[in-house]
Protein backbone atom coordinates (compact mmCIF):
# COMPACT_ATOMS: atom_id res chain seq x y z
CA MET A 1 -0.30 0.18 -0.05
CA PRO A 2 1.73 3.46 -1.14
CA TYR A 3 1.49 6.60 0.13
CA VAL A 4 0.54 9.12 -2.62
CA SER A 5 0.46 13.19 -3.26
CA ARG A 6 -2.08 14.67 -4.89
CA ASP A 7 -2.02 18.21 -7.04
CA ALA A 8 -5.24 20.68 -6.62
CA ALA A 9 -7.38 18.77 -9.16
CA GLY A 10 -7.05 15.81 -6.47
CA LEU A 11 -5.03 13.56 -9.15
CA ILE A 12 -2.43 11.46 -7.98
CA THR A 13 1.17 13.45 -8.67
CA GLY A 14 3.60 11.10 -7.03
CA ILE A 15 3.53 7.40 -5.08
CA PHE A 16 6.08 6.62 -2.30
CA LEU A 17 6.41 3.46 -0.11
CA ARG A 18 7.01 5.38 2.93
CA PRO A 19 5.48 8.95 4.41
CA GLN A 20 7.35 11.88 3.23
CA THR A 21 6.90 15.64 4.05
CA ASN A 22 3.60 16.73 3.56
CA VAL A 23 2.51 12.94 2.00
CA THR A 24 0.65 10.78 4.62
CA GLU A 25 -2.65 9.51 2.68
CA PHE A 26 -1.97 6.01 2.31
CA LEU A 27 -4.27 4.18 -0.35
CA PRO A 28 -4.46 0.24 -0.79
CA ASN A 29 -2.83 -1.05 -3.96
CA ASP A 30 -6.03 -1.51 -5.54
CA HIS A 31 -7.62 1.69 -5.22
CA ALA A 32 -9.34 3.38 -8.41
CA ASP A 33 -6.63 6.26 -7.81
CA ILE A 34 -3.74 4.06 -7.84
CA LEU A 35 -4.92 2.50 -10.80
CA ARG A 36 -5.71 5.29 -12.71
CA PHE A 37 -2.30 6.54 -12.08
CA PHE A 38 -0.59 3.98 -13.54
CA GLY A 39 -2.66 3.51 -16.77
CA GLY A 40 -4.79 0.42 -15.22
CA ASN A 41 -1.56 -1.76 -14.16
CA PRO A 42 0.49 -1.30 -11.00
CA PRO A 43 3.85 -1.94 -11.21
CA GLN A 44 4.58 -5.46 -9.79
CA ASN A 45 6.40 -4.17 -6.71
CA LEU A 46 3.24 -2.45 -5.26
CA THR A 47 1.28 -5.78 -5.76
CA ASN A 48 4.25 -8.08 -4.13
CA ASP A 49 3.02 -9.70 -0.94
CA ALA A 50 6.45 -9.69 0.93
CA LEU A 51 6.74 -5.68 0.44
CA MET A 52 2.97 -5.24 1.60
CA ASP A 53 3.82 -7.17 4.46
CA LEU A 54 6.99 -5.31 5.32
CA THR A 55 4.98 -1.90 4.59
CA GLN A 56 2.25 -3.54 7.37
CA SER A 57 5.29 -4.22 9.76
CA ASP A 58 6.64 -0.62 9.61
CA ILE A 59 2.98 0.86 9.95
CA ASP A 60 2.91 -1.07 13.10
CA PHE A 61 6.65 -0.60 14.67
CA ILE A 62 5.90 3.11 14.16
CA ARG A 63 3.64 2.46 16.54
CA VAL A 64 5.32 0.78 18.90
CA ILE A 65 8.28 3.44 18.83
CA GLU A 66 5.54 5.77 19.30
CA ASP A 67 4.77 4.12 22.41
CA LEU A 68 8.29 3.92 23.60
CA ILE A 69 8.79 7.74 23.06
CA ASP A 70 5.37 8.28 25.59
CA VAL A 71 6.68 5.98 27.95
CA LEU A 72 9.95 7.37 28.24
CA ILE A 73 8.25 10.71 28.44
CA ASP A 74 6.04 9.40 31.16
CA LYS A 75 9.33 8.63 33.36
CA ASN A 76 10.89 11.79 32.61
CA VAL A 77 13.77 9.59 31.16
CA ILE A 78 13.59 12.47 28.84
CA THR A 79 11.36 15.52 27.96
CA PHE A 80 9.45 16.05 24.81
CA THR A 81 11.70 19.81 24.26
CA ASP A 82 14.57 17.25 24.57
CA LEU A 83 13.57 15.84 20.76
CA PRO A 84 14.60 17.70 17.94
CA SER A 85 12.05 19.87 16.50
CA LYS A 86 11.58 18.08 13.17
CA VAL A 87 10.53 14.97 15.87
CA ARG A 88 8.13 17.08 17.83
CA GLU A 89 6.56 17.84 15.08
CA LYS A 90 5.78 14.45 13.74
CA ILE A 91 5.12 13.95 17.04
CA VAL A 92 2.71 16.48 17.01
CA ASN A 93 1.39 15.80 13.49
CA ARG A 94 0.24 12.37 14.37
CA LEU A 95 -1.43 13.15 17.85
CA ASP A 96 -3.61 15.17 15.61
CA ALA A 97 -4.35 13.01 13.16
CA ARG A 98 -4.64 10.24 15.41
CA GLY A 99 -7.47 12.56 17.59
CA ARG A 100 -9.15 13.61 14.23
CA LEU A 101 -9.51 9.84 13.49
CA SER A 102 -11.07 9.12 16.83
CA GLY A 103 -13.33 12.09 16.90
CA THR A 104 -11.26 13.89 19.35
CA ASN A 105 -8.22 15.89 19.69
CA ASP A 106 -6.24 16.03 22.91
CA ILE A 107 -3.68 18.78 21.71
CA VAL A 108 -6.63 21.69 21.32
CA VAL A 109 -8.82 21.88 24.47
CA SER A 110 -11.96 23.99 24.54
CA ASP A 111 -12.01 26.66 27.36
CA ASN A 112 -15.61 25.82 28.24
CA GLY A 113 -15.80 25.48 31.74
CA ILE A 114 -12.52 26.38 33.09
CA LEU A 115 -13.93 29.11 34.72
C-alpha cells in the first residue's frame, strides 16, 4: 500500500512507499486512483505480498516507537523538548491526525468550563 501526493485537482502526482513531508495519505494498492496513475496496471513491486507485509510491519513498528517515546516521557527519562524540533513536529502531527480519526483531539482543548 503506497502513500500518495495529489495536485490541486485531486489527481495523484507521486507514489511513495514511506510517508514524506506533507505526504501522509495511504491507499490500498487496488484503489482506483492508484490504478489510474499507472494506466490500469500497477507495477509488480506494489502487488508483491512480501513488500505489503513489510510495509504493514513498518506501520506497526512506528506505533511501537510512538508508545516507547510516550513511556520515556511519562517516566521523565526524556522530556518532549529534548527531542529535535522536526521529531516534535511529527509527533504532534500524528497525535492530531489520530485525534481527528477518533473524533477527539487532545492537542486543542476547549476552554469551556474552565472558569
